[in-house]
Amino acid sequence: MISIQSPQQLGDALRAARKQLRLTQPQLALAAGVGVRFIVDLEAGKPTLRLENVLRVVDALGGEIQLNGLPAVATEN
């Protein structure tokens, strides 16, 4: 598990995952349903990106986001 505390750390982690999967930025953008510019901005650590699209990229890379240290809440399914 990776501890992320800044947009730059998130971008670095997602870039590393993309490269490990041998995906280009255009390939990842297509898989996530976002534009290439979004991937470029995300990997550069741009702090104002849309969370919905960030989650799409994380999912396309096979990852998930977990929050630690916060009170547990019941989720509806």
PDB file of N, CA and C in Angstrom:
ATOM      1  N   MET A   1       0.847  -1.172   0.000  1.00  0.00           N
ATOM      2  CA  MET A   1       0.000   0.000   0.000  1.00  0.00           C
ATOM      3  C   MET A   1       0.891   1.233   0.000  1.00  0.00           C
ATOM      4  N   ILE A   2       0.426   2.256  -0.699  1.00  0.00           N
ATOM      5  CA  ILE A   2       1.187   3.500  -0.817  1.00  0.00           C
ATOM      6  C   ILE A   2       0.475   4.584  -0.020  1.00  0.00           C
ATOM      7  N   SER A   3       1.226   5.352   0.742  1.00  0.00           N
ATOM      8  CA  SER A   3       0.662   6.480   1.470  1.00  0.00           C
ATOM      9  C   SER A   3       0.773   7.725   0.595  1.00  0.00           C
ATOM     10  N   ILE A   4      -0.372   8.337   0.307  1.00  0.00           N
ATOM     11  CA  ILE A   4      -0.427   9.524  -0.551  1.00  0.00           C
ATOM     12  C   ILE A   4      -0.871  10.706   0.294  1.00  0.00           C
ATOM     13  N   GLN A   5      -0.084  11.772   0.263  1.00  0.00           N
ATOM     14  CA  GLN A   5      -0.431  12.951   1.053  1.00  0.00           C
ATOM     15  C   GLN A   5      -0.426  14.234   0.238  1.00  0.00           C
ATOM     16  N   SER A   6      -0.226  14.124  -1.083  1.00  0.00           N
ATOM     17  CA  SER A   6      -0.253  15.319  -1.918  1.00  0.00           C
ATOM     18  C   SER A   6      -0.644  14.927  -3.344  1.00  0.00           C
ATOM     19  N   PRO A   7      -1.138  15.889  -4.108  1.00  0.00           N
ATOM     20  CA  PRO A   7      -1.441  15.607  -5.515  1.00  0.00           C
ATOM     21  C   PRO A   7      -0.213  15.125  -6.291  1.00  0.00           C
ATOM     22  N   GLN A   8       0.962  15.658  -5.964  1.00  0.00           N
ATOM     23  CA  GLN A   8       2.181  15.244  -6.660  1.00  0.00           C
ATOM     24  C   GLN A   8       2.504  13.779  -6.368  1.00  0.00           C
ATOM     25  N   GLN A   9       2.347  13.360  -5.114  1.00  0.00           N
ATOM     26  CA  GLN A   9       2.594  11.959  -4.767  1.00  0.00           C
ATOM     27  C   GLN A   9       1.605  11.042  -5.486  1.00  0.00           C
ATOM     28  N   LEU A  10       0.355  11.469  -5.605  1.00  0.00           N
ATOM     29  CA  LEU A  10      -0.632  10.675  -6.333  1.00  0.00           C
ATOM     30  C   LEU A  10      -0.233  10.564  -7.801  1.00  0.00           C
ATOM     31  N   GLY A  11       0.147  11.673  -8.396  1.00  0.00           N
ATOM     32  CA  GLY A  11       0.575  11.649  -9.790  1.00  0.00           C
ATOM     33  C   GLY A  11       1.777  10.759 -10.019  1.00  0.00           C
ATOM     34  N   ASP A  12       2.738  10.840  -9.123  1.00  0.00           N
ATOM     35  CA  ASP A  12       3.938  10.000  -9.231  1.00  0.00           C
ATOM     36  C   ASP A  12       3.584   8.520  -9.130  1.00  0.00           C
ATOM     37  N   ALA A  13       2.699   8.185  -8.187  1.00  0.00           N
ATOM     38  CA  ALA A  13       2.306   6.788  -7.991  1.00  0.00           C
ATOM     39  C   ALA A  13       1.543   6.254  -9.203  1.00  0.00           C
ATOM     40  N   LEU A  14       0.651   7.065  -9.753  1.00  0.00           N
ATOM     41  CA  LEU A  14      -0.117   6.617 -10.909  1.00  0.00           C
ATOM     42  C   LEU A  14       0.756   6.509 -12.152  1.00  0.00           C
ATOM     43  N   ARG A  15       1.714   7.410 -12.307  1.00  0.00           N
ATOM     44  CA  ARG A  15       2.655   7.305 -13.431  1.00  0.00           C
ATOM     45  C   ARG A  15       3.468   6.017 -13.320  1.00  0.00           C
ATOM     46  N   ALA A  16       3.948   5.723 -12.119  1.00  0.00           N
ATOM     47  CA  ALA A  16       4.735   4.502 -11.918  1.00  0.00           C
ATOM     48  C   ALA A  16       3.901   3.261 -12.229  1.00  0.00           C
ATOM     49  N   ALA A  17       2.641   3.261 -11.799  1.00  0.00           N
ATOM     50  CA  ALA A  17       1.760   2.119 -12.073  1.00  0.00           C
ATOM     51  C   ALA A  17       1.519   1.983 -13.577  1.00  0.00           C
ATOM     52  N   ARG A  18       1.285   3.100 -14.247  1.00  0.00           N
ATOM     53  CA  ARG A  18       1.064   3.064 -15.699  1.00  0.00           C
ATOM     54  C   ARG A  18       2.282   2.490 -16.414  1.00  0.00           C
ATOM     55  N   LYS A  19       3.445   2.950 -16.031  1.00  0.00           N
ATOM     56  CA  LYS A  19       4.671   2.475 -16.679  1.00  0.00           C
ATOM     57  C   LYS A  19       4.920   1.002 -16.369  1.00  0.00           C
ATOM     58  N   GLN A  20       4.620   0.587 -15.147  1.00  0.00           N
ATOM     59  CA  GLN A  20       4.801  -0.823 -14.791  1.00  0.00           C
ATOM     60  C   GLN A  20       3.882  -1.716 -15.632  1.00  0.00           C
ATOM     61  N   LEU A  21       2.700  -1.196 -15.958  1.00  0.00           N
ATOM     62  CA  LEU A  21       1.758  -1.933 -16.807  1.00  0.00           C
ATOM     63  C   LEU A  21       2.060  -1.751 -18.296  1.00  0.00           C
ATOM     64  N   ARG A  22       3.104  -0.986 -18.590  1.00  0.00           N
ATOM     65  CA  ARG A  22       3.544  -0.723 -19.963  1.00  0.00           C
ATOM     66  C   ARG A  22       2.438  -0.097 -20.805  1.00  0.00           C
ATOM     67  N   LEU A  23       1.754   0.873 -20.211  1.00  0.00           N
ATOM     68  CA  LEU A  23       0.721   1.619 -20.916  1.00  0.00           C
ATOM     69  C   LEU A  23       1.248   3.008 -21.254  1.00  0.00           C
ATOM     70  N   THR A  24       0.868   3.500 -22.405  1.00  0.00           N
ATOM     71  CA  THR A  24       1.162   4.884 -22.738  1.00  0.00           C
ATOM     72  C   THR A  24       0.071   5.763 -22.136  1.00  0.00           C
ATOM     73  N   GLN A  25       0.323   7.047 -22.089  1.00  0.00           N
ATOM     74  CA  GLN A  25      -0.713   7.961 -21.593  1.00  0.00           C
ATOM     75  C   GLN A  25      -1.973   7.877 -22.452  1.00  0.00           C
ATOM     76  N   PRO A  26      -1.884   7.842 -23.783  1.00  0.00           N
ATOM     77  CA  PRO A  26      -3.106   7.706 -24.588  1.00  0.00           C
ATOM     78  C   PRO A  26      -3.851   6.385 -24.337  1.00  0.00           C
ATOM     79  N   GLN A  27      -3.116   5.302 -24.129  1.00  0.00           N
ATOM     80  CA  GLN A  27      -3.770   4.020 -23.841  1.00  0.00           C
ATOM     81  C   GLN A  27      -4.519   4.069 -22.523  1.00  0.00           C
ATOM     82  N   LEU A  28      -3.913   4.667 -21.504  1.00  0.00           N
ATOM     83  CA  LEU A  28      -4.571   4.779 -20.208  1.00  0.00           C
ATOM     84  C   LEU A  28      -5.781   5.698 -20.299  1.00  0.00           C
ATOM     85  N   ALA A  29      -5.638   6.789 -21.008  1.00  0.00           N
ATOM     86  CA  ALA A  29      -6.765   7.714 -21.176  1.00  0.00           C
ATOM     87  C   ALA A  29      -7.951   6.998 -21.810  1.00  0.00           C
ATOM     88  N   LEU A  30      -7.705   6.214 -22.837  1.00  0.00           N
ATOM     89  CA  LEU A  30      -8.768   5.464 -23.501  1.00  0.00           C
ATOM     90  C   LEU A  30      -9.409   4.460 -22.550  1.00  0.00           C
ATOM     91  N   ALA A  31      -8.592   3.735 -21.807  1.00  0.00           N
ATOM     92  CA  ALA A  31      -9.106   2.733 -20.871  1.00  0.00           C
ATOM     93  C   ALA A  31      -9.940   3.357 -19.758  1.00  0.00           C
ATOM     94  N   ALA A  32      -9.573   4.569 -19.340  1.00  0.00           N
ATOM     95  CA  ALA A  32     -10.267   5.236 -18.237  1.00  0.00           C
ATOM     96  C   ALA A  32     -11.421   6.124 -18.708  1.00  0.00           C
ATOM     97  N   GLY A  33     -11.498   6.353 -20.010  1.00  0.00           N
ATOM     98  CA  GLY A  33     -12.556   7.218 -20.522  1.00  0.00           C
ATOM     99  C   GLY A  33     -12.327   8.693 -20.235  1.00  0.00           C
ATOM    100  N   VAL A  34     -11.076   9.086 -20.222  1.00  0.00           N
ATOM    101  CA  VAL A  34     -10.716  10.495 -19.998  1.00  0.00           C
ATOM    102  C   VAL A  34      -9.807  10.936 -21.137  1.00  0.00           C
ATOM    103  N   GLY A  35      -9.520  12.211 -21.202  1.00  0.00           N
ATOM    104  CA  GLY A  35      -8.622  12.724 -22.229  1.00  0.00           C
ATOM    105  C   GLY A  35      -7.162  12.563 -21.839  1.00  0.00           C
ATOM    106  N   VAL A  36      -6.311  12.579 -22.847  1.00  0.00           N
ATOM    107  CA  VAL A  36      -4.869  12.474 -22.609  1.00  0.00           C
ATOM    108  C   VAL A  36      -4.395  13.647 -21.752  1.00  0.00           C
ATOM    109  N   ARG A  37      -4.942  14.835 -21.983  1.00  0.00           N
ATOM    110  CA  ARG A  37      -4.552  16.014 -21.197  1.00  0.00           C
ATOM    111  C   ARG A  37      -4.818  15.773 -19.713  1.00  0.00           C
ATOM    112  N   PHE A  38      -5.919  15.082 -19.394  1.00  0.00           N
ATOM    113  CA  PHE A  38      -6.223  14.774 -18.000  1.00  0.00           C
ATOM    114  C   PHE A  38      -5.126  13.901 -17.394  1.00  0.00           C
ATOM    115  N   ILE A  39      -4.677  12.887 -18.131  1.00  0.00           N
ATOM    116  CA  ILE A  39      -3.610  12.004 -17.635  1.00  0.00           C
ATOM    117  C   ILE A  39      -2.328  12.804 -17.426  1.00  0.00           C
ATOM    118  N   VAL A  40      -2.003  13.666 -18.356  1.00  0.00           N
ATOM    119  CA  VAL A  40      -0.803  14.500 -18.242  1.00  0.00           C
ATOM    120  C   VAL A  40      -0.892  15.360 -16.980  1.00  0.00           C
ATOM    121  N   ASP A  41      -2.036  16.016 -16.788  1.00  0.00           N
ATOM    122  CA  ASP A  41      -2.214  16.880 -15.614  1.00  0.00           C
ATOM    123  C   ASP A  41      -2.187  16.074 -14.316  1.00  0.00           C
ATOM    124  N   LEU A  42      -2.816  14.917 -14.322  1.00  0.00           N
ATOM    125  CA  LEU A  42      -2.842  14.064 -13.126  1.00  0.00           C
ATOM    126  C   LEU A  42      -1.436  13.628 -12.741  1.00  0.00           C
ATOM    127  N   GLU A  43      -0.673  13.163 -13.709  1.00  0.00           N
ATOM    128  CA  GLU A  43       0.694  12.716 -13.426  1.00  0.00           C
ATOM    129  C   GLU A  43       1.607  13.865 -13.023  1.00  0.00           C
ATOM    130  N   ALA A  44       1.249  15.081 -13.420  1.00  0.00           N
ATOM    131  CA  ALA A  44       2.042  16.255 -13.048  1.00  0.00           C
ATOM    132  C   ALA A  44       1.675  16.773 -11.659  1.00  0.00           C
ATOM    133  N   GLY A  45       0.633  16.181 -11.051  1.00  0.00           N
ATOM    134  CA  GLY A  45       0.252  16.585  -9.705  1.00  0.00           C
ATOM    135  C   GLY A  45      -0.671  17.791  -9.644  1.00  0.00           C
ATOM    136  N   LYS A  46      -1.380  18.069 -10.727  1.00  0.00           N
ATOM    137  CA  LYS A  46      -2.306  19.207 -10.723  1.00  0.00           C
ATOM    138  C   LYS A  46      -3.349  18.993  -9.620  1.00  0.00           C
ATOM    139  N   PRO A  47      -3.514  19.950  -8.720  1.00  0.00           N
ATOM    140  CA  PRO A  47      -4.360  19.747  -7.540  1.00  0.00           C
ATOM    141  C   PRO A  47      -5.849  19.974  -7.753  1.00  0.00           C
ATOM    142  N   THR A  48      -6.264  20.421  -8.923  1.00  0.00           N
ATOM    143  CA  THR A  48      -7.667  20.784  -9.112  1.00  0.00           C
ATOM    144  C   THR A  48      -8.412  19.864 -10.068  1.00  0.00           C
ATOM    145  N   LEU A  49      -8.022  18.619 -10.156  1.00  0.00           N
ATOM    146  CA  LEU A  49      -8.663  17.693 -11.077  1.00  0.00           C
ATOM    147  C   LEU A  49      -9.945  17.109 -10.488  1.00  0.00           C
ATOM    148  N   ARG A  50     -10.829  16.708 -11.362  1.00  0.00           N
ATOM    149  CA  ARG A  50     -12.120  16.158 -10.965  1.00  0.00           C
ATOM    150  C   ARG A  50     -11.941  14.762 -10.354  1.00  0.00           C
ATOM    151  N   LEU A  51     -12.428  14.598  -9.135  1.00  0.00           N
ATOM    152  CA  LEU A  51     -12.251  13.340  -8.400  1.00  0.00           C
ATOM    153  C   LEU A  51     -12.841  12.157  -9.154  1.00  0.00           C
ATOM    154  N   GLU A  52     -13.985  12.335  -9.774  1.00  0.00           N
ATOM    155  CA  GLU A  52     -14.620  11.242 -10.527  1.00  0.00           C
ATOM    156  C   GLU A  52     -13.666  10.678 -11.578  1.00  0.00           C
ATOM    157  N   ASN A  53     -12.962  11.553 -12.262  1.00  0.00           N
ATOM    158  CA  ASN A  53     -12.023  11.100 -13.292  1.00  0.00           C
ATOM    159  C   ASN A  53     -10.764  10.482 -12.697  1.00  0.00           C
ATOM    160  N   VAL A  54     -10.326  10.996 -11.562  1.00  0.00           N
ATOM    161  CA  VAL A  54      -9.187  10.384 -10.865  1.00  0.00           C
ATOM    162  C   VAL A  54      -9.534   8.941 -10.510  1.00  0.00           C
ATOM    163  N   LEU A  55     -10.736   8.732  -9.992  1.00  0.00           N
ATOM    164  CA  LEU A  55     -11.164   7.381  -9.628  1.00  0.00           C
ATOM    165  C   LEU A  55     -11.250   6.474 -10.852  1.00  0.00           C
ATOM    166  N   ARG A  56     -11.647   7.006 -11.986  1.00  0.00           N
ATOM    167  CA  ARG A  56     -11.676   6.214 -13.223  1.00  0.00           C
ATOM    168  C   ARG A  56     -10.275   5.743 -13.601  1.00  0.00           C
ATOM    169  N   VAL A  57      -9.301   6.622 -13.468  1.00  0.00           N
ATOM    170  CA  VAL A  57      -7.918   6.268 -13.798  1.00  0.00           C
ATOM    171  C   VAL A  57      -7.397   5.210 -12.828  1.00  0.00           C
ATOM    172  N   VAL A  58      -7.653   5.408 -11.550  1.00  0.00           N
ATOM    173  CA  VAL A  58      -7.223   4.422 -10.547  1.00  0.00           C
ATOM    174  C   VAL A  58      -7.828   3.056 -10.880  1.00  0.00           C
ATOM    175  N   ASP A  59      -9.104   3.031 -11.208  1.00  0.00           N
ATOM    176  CA  ASP A  59      -9.779   1.780 -11.558  1.00  0.00           C
ATOM    177  C   ASP A  59      -9.176   1.161 -12.819  1.00  0.00           C
ATOM    178  N   ALA A  60      -8.911   1.970 -13.827  1.00  0.00           N
ATOM    179  CA  ALA A  60      -8.335   1.463 -15.074  1.00  0.00           C
ATOM    180  C   ALA A  60      -6.957   0.843 -14.852  1.00  0.00           C
ATOM    181  N   LEU A  61      -6.257   1.313 -13.829  1.00  0.00           N
ATOM    182  CA  LEU A  61      -4.948   0.747 -13.488  1.00  0.00           C
ATOM    183  C   LEU A  61      -5.064  -0.465 -12.572  1.00  0.00           C
ATOM    184  N   GLY A  62      -6.290  -0.803 -12.183  1.00  0.00           N
ATOM    185  CA  GLY A  62      -6.505  -1.968 -11.322  1.00  0.00           C
ATOM    186  C   GLY A  62      -6.341  -1.664  -9.846  1.00  0.00           C
ATOM    187  N   GLY A  63      -6.347  -0.399  -9.485  1.00  0.00           N
ATOM    188  CA  GLY A  63      -6.155  -0.021  -8.090  1.00  0.00           C
ATOM    189  C   GLY A  63      -7.451   0.350  -7.402  1.00  0.00           C
ATOM    190  N   GLU A  64      -7.333   0.694  -6.157  1.00  0.00           N
ATOM    191  CA  GLU A  64      -8.468   1.179  -5.379  1.00  0.00           C
ATOM    192  C   GLU A  64      -7.947   2.163  -4.350  1.00  0.00           C
ATOM    193  N   ILE A  65      -8.830   3.010  -3.883  1.00  0.00           N
ATOM    194  CA  ILE A  65      -8.448   3.990  -2.872  1.00  0.00           C
ATOM    195  C   ILE A  65      -9.067   3.577  -1.549  1.00  0.00           C
ATOM    196  N   GLN A  66      -8.240   3.549  -0.509  1.00  0.00           N
ATOM    197  CA  GLN A  66      -8.704   3.239   0.841  1.00  0.00           C
ATOM    198  C   GLN A  66      -8.346   4.399   1.747  1.00  0.00           C
ATOM    199  N   LEU A  67      -9.257   4.720   2.654  1.00  0.00           N
ATOM    200  CA  LEU A  67      -8.992   5.779   3.625  1.00  0.00           C
ATOM    201  C   LEU A  67      -8.705   5.133   4.969  1.00  0.00           C
ATOM    202  N   ASN A  68      -7.580   5.459   5.535  1.00  0.00           N
ATOM    203  CA  ASN A  68      -7.192   4.919   6.834  1.00  0.00           C
ATOM    204  C   ASN A  68      -7.184   6.035   7.867  1.00  0.00           C
ATOM    205  N   GLY A  69      -7.471   5.689   9.108  1.00  0.00           N
ATOM    206  CA  GLY A  69      -7.403   6.643  10.175  1.00  0.00           C
ATOM    207  C   GLY A  69      -8.666   7.457  10.357  1.00  0.00           C
ATOM    208  N   LEU A  70      -9.707   7.176   9.572  1.00  0.00           N
ATOM    209  CA  LEU A  70     -10.972   7.875   9.709  1.00  0.00           C
ATOM    210  C   LEU A  70     -11.987   6.964  10.370  1.00  0.00           C
ATOM    211  N   PRO A  71     -12.999   7.530  11.042  1.00  0.00           N
ATOM    212  CA  PRO A  71     -14.024   6.686  11.639  1.00  0.00           C
ATOM    213  C   PRO A  71     -14.734   5.851  10.563  1.00  0.00           C
ATOM    214  N   ALA A  72     -15.036   4.627  10.890  1.00  0.00           N
ATOM    215  CA  ALA A  72     -15.749   3.741   9.961  1.00  0.00           C
ATOM    216  C   ALA A  72     -17.201   4.193   9.846  1.00  0.00           C
ATOM    217  N   VAL A  73     -17.736   4.099   8.648  1.00  0.00           N
ATOM    218  CA  VAL A  73     -19.143   4.412   8.421  1.00  0.00           C
ATOM    219  C   VAL A  73     -19.785   3.268   7.658  1.00  0.00           C
ATOM    220  N   ALA A  74     -21.054   3.040   7.912  1.00  0.00           N
ATOM    221  CA  ALA A  74     -21.775   1.997   7.197  1.00  0.00           C
ATOM    222  C   ALA A  74     -22.036   2.492   5.775  1.00  0.00           C
ATOM    223  N   THR A  75     -21.882   1.609   4.804  1.00  0.00           N
ATOM    224  CA  THR A  75     -22.138   1.952   3.415  1.00  0.00           C
ATOM    225  C   THR A  75     -23.407   1.260   2.938  1.00  0.00           C
ATOM    226  N   GLU A  76     -24.113   1.915   2.035  1.00  0.00           N
ATOM    227  CA  GLU A  76     -25.315   1.335   1.460  1.00  0.00           C
ATOM    228  C   GLU A  76     -24.941   0.597   0.187  1.00  0.00           C
ATOM    229  N   ASN A  77     -25.447  -0.602   0.029  1.00  0.00           N
ATOM    230  CA  ASN A  77     -25.210  -1.387  -1.217  1.00  0.00           C
ATOM    231  C   ASN A  77     -26.495  -1.827  -1.795  1.00  0.00           C
TER     232      ASN A  77
END
